[in-house]
N, C-alpha and C. Protein backbone atom coordinates (compact mmCIF):
# COMPACT_ATOMS: atom_id res chain seq x y z
N MET A 1 17.55 -25.52 -12.54
CA MET A 1 17.49 -24.06 -12.83
C MET A 1 17.53 -23.35 -11.39
N LYS A 2 18.85 -22.17 -11.60
CA LYS A 2 18.80 -20.89 -11.07
C LYS A 2 17.69 -20.61 -10.20
N PHE A 3 17.21 -20.50 -9.14
CA PHE A 3 16.79 -19.32 -8.95
C PHE A 3 17.47 -18.32 -8.29
N THR A 4 16.44 -17.29 -9.35
CA THR A 4 16.77 -15.50 -8.10
C THR A 4 16.24 -14.92 -7.84
N GLU A 5 17.07 -13.38 -7.71
CA GLU A 5 15.27 -12.43 -7.21
C GLU A 5 14.81 -12.09 -8.46
N GLU A 6 14.91 -12.12 -9.43
CA GLU A 6 14.51 -11.54 -10.60
C GLU A 6 13.54 -12.77 -10.67
N LYS A 7 12.86 -13.37 -10.35
CA LYS A 7 12.83 -14.97 -10.32
C LYS A 7 11.70 -15.20 -9.39
N LEU A 8 11.84 -14.64 -8.16
CA LEU A 8 11.33 -14.43 -7.48
C LEU A 8 10.82 -14.00 -7.46
N GLU A 9 10.72 -12.09 -7.88
CA GLU A 9 9.63 -11.26 -7.78
C GLU A 9 8.79 -11.30 -8.92
N HIS A 10 9.17 -11.89 -10.13
CA HIS A 10 7.74 -12.89 -11.13
C HIS A 10 6.56 -13.54 -10.09
N ALA A 11 7.28 -14.06 -9.49
CA ALA A 11 6.49 -15.48 -8.41
C ALA A 11 5.42 -14.86 -7.89
N PHE A 12 5.93 -13.43 -6.80
CA PHE A 12 4.95 -12.77 -5.71
C PHE A 12 4.34 -11.97 -7.00
N ILE A 13 4.43 -11.53 -8.04
CA ILE A 13 3.63 -10.25 -9.15
C ILE A 13 2.72 -11.50 -9.05
N GLU A 14 2.87 -12.77 -9.68
CA GLU A 14 1.98 -13.73 -9.77
C GLU A 14 1.07 -13.92 -8.88
N LEU A 15 1.49 -14.38 -8.13
CA LEU A 15 0.80 -15.36 -7.14
C LEU A 15 0.02 -13.78 -6.39
N LEU A 16 -0.22 -12.46 -6.34
CA LEU A 16 -0.71 -11.05 -5.56
C LEU A 16 -1.46 -11.29 -7.25
N GLY A 17 -1.06 -10.78 -8.01
CA GLY A 17 -2.40 -10.96 -8.83
C GLY A 17 -3.51 -11.91 -9.38
N LYS A 18 -3.15 -12.93 -8.68
CA LYS A 18 -4.33 -14.31 -8.51
C LYS A 18 -5.04 -13.20 -7.50
N GLN A 19 -4.42 -13.07 -6.03
CA GLN A 19 -4.92 -12.43 -5.29
C GLN A 19 -5.63 -11.14 -5.51
N ASN A 20 -5.80 -10.77 -6.78
CA ASN A 20 -6.36 -9.30 -7.10
C ASN A 20 -5.72 -8.11 -7.15
N PHE A 21 -4.32 -8.47 -6.09
CA PHE A 21 -3.75 -7.35 -6.01
C PHE A 21 -3.32 -6.71 -7.27
N PRO A 22 -2.93 -5.74 -7.50
CA PRO A 22 -2.40 -4.93 -9.27
C PRO A 22 -0.97 -5.24 -8.92
N HIS A 23 0.11 -4.93 -9.97
CA HIS A 23 1.55 -5.14 -9.84
C HIS A 23 1.46 -3.47 -10.16
N HIS A 24 2.02 -2.24 -9.28
CA HIS A 24 2.27 -1.33 -10.33
C HIS A 24 4.20 -0.68 -9.50
N THR A 25 4.99 -0.61 -11.20
CA THR A 25 6.00 -0.99 -10.51
C THR A 25 6.68 1.15 -9.94
N GLY A 26 7.42 1.52 -9.88
CA GLY A 26 7.51 2.54 -8.43
C GLY A 26 7.34 3.43 -9.31
N ASN A 27 7.19 3.91 -10.13
CA ASN A 27 7.66 5.02 -11.68
C ASN A 27 6.25 5.09 -12.44
N GLU A 28 5.47 4.30 -11.96
CA GLU A 28 3.96 4.56 -11.62
C GLU A 28 3.43 5.28 -10.81
N ILE A 29 3.97 5.52 -9.84
CA ILE A 29 3.29 5.36 -8.42
C ILE A 29 3.35 7.19 -8.13
N VAL A 30 1.73 8.10 -8.09
CA VAL A 30 2.14 9.81 -8.32
C VAL A 30 2.34 9.96 -6.52
N ARG A 31 3.82 10.17 -6.79
CA ARG A 31 4.23 10.18 -5.39
C ARG A 31 5.19 11.12 -5.65
N ALA A 32 5.87 12.13 -4.34
CA ALA A 32 7.19 12.96 -4.58
C ALA A 32 7.88 11.72 -3.68
N ALA A 33 9.29 11.98 -4.58
CA ALA A 33 10.17 10.87 -4.20
C ALA A 33 10.72 10.46 -2.85
N ASP A 34 9.98 11.42 -1.52
CA ASP A 34 10.47 10.89 -0.35
C ASP A 34 9.17 10.50 0.64
N GLU A 35 8.06 10.49 0.17
CA GLU A 35 7.06 10.00 0.62
C GLU A 35 7.49 8.74 -0.30
N VAL A 36 7.32 7.79 1.22
CA VAL A 36 7.11 6.27 1.70
C VAL A 36 5.79 6.35 1.76
N LEU A 37 4.55 6.83 1.90
CA LEU A 37 3.23 6.11 2.88
C LEU A 37 2.21 6.54 1.08
N ILE A 38 1.67 5.76 0.30
CA ILE A 38 0.75 6.16 -0.62
C ILE A 38 -0.70 6.80 0.63
N GLU A 39 -0.67 7.82 0.96
CA GLU A 39 -1.92 7.76 1.40
C GLU A 39 -3.58 7.95 1.40
N ALA A 40 -3.55 8.27 -0.23
CA ALA A 40 -4.93 7.73 -0.64
C ALA A 40 -5.08 6.61 -0.17
N ASP A 41 -4.23 5.15 -0.46
CA ASP A 41 -4.68 3.86 -0.50
C ASP A 41 -5.21 3.90 1.23
N LEU A 42 -4.08 4.54 1.89
CA LEU A 42 -3.89 3.81 3.04
C LEU A 42 -5.25 4.44 4.41
N LEU A 43 -5.59 5.45 3.70
CA LEU A 43 -6.98 6.37 3.93
C LEU A 43 -7.47 5.77 3.81
N HIS A 44 -8.13 4.62 2.47
CA HIS A 44 -9.01 4.43 1.92
C HIS A 44 -8.98 3.18 3.42
N TYR A 45 -7.98 2.43 3.28
CA TYR A 45 -7.64 0.46 3.97
C TYR A 45 -8.41 0.40 5.26
N LEU A 46 -7.51 2.00 6.38
CA LEU A 46 -8.40 2.64 7.80
C LEU A 46 -9.85 2.55 7.77
N MET A 47 -10.50 3.49 6.55
CA MET A 47 -11.82 3.22 6.68
C MET A 47 -12.78 2.12 6.41
N SER A 48 -11.98 1.43 5.43
CA SER A 48 -12.37 0.01 5.18
C SER A 48 -12.63 -0.67 6.76
N ARG A 49 -11.64 -0.86 6.79
CA ARG A 49 -11.25 -2.13 8.15
C ARG A 49 -11.23 -1.41 8.33
N TYR A 50 -11.82 0.12 9.61
CA TYR A 50 -12.55 0.53 10.88
C TYR A 50 -13.50 0.94 11.24
N GLU A 51 -14.04 0.82 9.87
CA GLU A 51 -15.53 1.32 9.27
C GLU A 51 -16.82 0.61 10.91
N HIS A 52 -16.87 -0.85 11.25
CA HIS A 52 -17.64 -0.67 12.11
C HIS A 52 -16.69 -0.16 13.55
N ASN A 53 -15.97 0.21 13.71
CA ASN A 53 -15.61 1.16 15.26
C ASN A 53 -16.10 2.45 14.74
N ASN A 54 -16.83 2.30 14.27
CA ASN A 54 -16.22 4.55 13.33
C ASN A 54 -15.49 5.42 13.63
N LEU A 55 -14.66 4.61 12.95
CA LEU A 55 -13.30 5.39 12.58
C LEU A 55 -14.08 6.87 12.06
N THR A 56 -13.40 7.83 11.76
CA THR A 56 -13.96 8.47 11.08
C THR A 56 -12.23 9.85 10.39
N VAL A 57 -13.07 9.85 9.48
CA VAL A 57 -12.60 10.85 8.31
C VAL A 57 -10.77 11.38 9.43
N THR A 58 -11.18 11.99 10.18
CA THR A 58 -10.26 12.59 10.82
C THR A 58 -9.31 11.92 11.49
N GLU A 59 -9.80 11.25 11.97
CA GLU A 59 -9.05 10.65 12.57
C GLU A 59 -8.51 9.73 12.10
N ALA A 60 -8.70 8.84 10.25
CA ALA A 60 -7.95 8.56 10.00
C ALA A 60 -7.05 9.54 9.19
N LYS A 61 -7.20 10.64 9.08
CA LYS A 61 -5.85 11.00 8.65
C LYS A 61 -4.72 11.51 9.74
N SER A 62 -5.46 11.51 10.83
CA SER A 62 -4.28 11.66 12.53
C SER A 62 -3.48 10.17 12.54
N ILE A 63 -3.73 9.98 11.96
CA ILE A 63 -2.87 8.00 11.63
C ILE A 63 -2.41 8.66 10.97
N VAL A 64 -2.79 9.06 9.71
CA VAL A 64 -1.66 8.67 8.90
C VAL A 64 -0.95 10.06 9.08
N LEU A 65 -0.73 11.29 9.44
CA LEU A 65 0.19 12.12 10.00
C LEU A 65 0.63 11.73 10.72
N GLN A 66 0.69 10.42 12.03
CA GLN A 66 1.26 10.27 12.80
C GLN A 66 2.72 8.85 12.65
N LEU A 67 2.06 8.72 11.03
CA LEU A 67 3.06 7.79 10.76
C LEU A 67 4.03 8.12 9.64
N LYS A 68 3.88 9.68 9.41
CA LYS A 68 4.46 10.60 8.19
C LYS A 68 5.50 11.20 9.06
N THR A 69 5.06 11.24 10.59
CA THR A 69 6.34 11.89 11.65
C THR A 69 7.29 10.95 12.82
N LEU A 70 6.59 9.39 11.98
CA LEU A 70 8.19 8.36 13.08
C LEU A 70 9.00 9.44 11.79
C-alpha cells in the first residue's frame, strides 16, 4: 500500500481528533485571507497558559500585535 500525502494528512487528523483537537478546513475559519494568526485562539491560549504569571489582556494583545508585525 502506497503512503501518500493525503493518507498522512488523514492520519494526523485522526490522531489529533483523539486528543480532542478538532479539524477545520481553512475555508471554515473566519478571517481575512491575509491573516495568518487566529487571534482569538492565540489570546485564549496565552491567557490560559500564563495565567499563573498574571498576564494581563493588554500584555497578551501586545504579544499578538508584535507577532503580526513580524
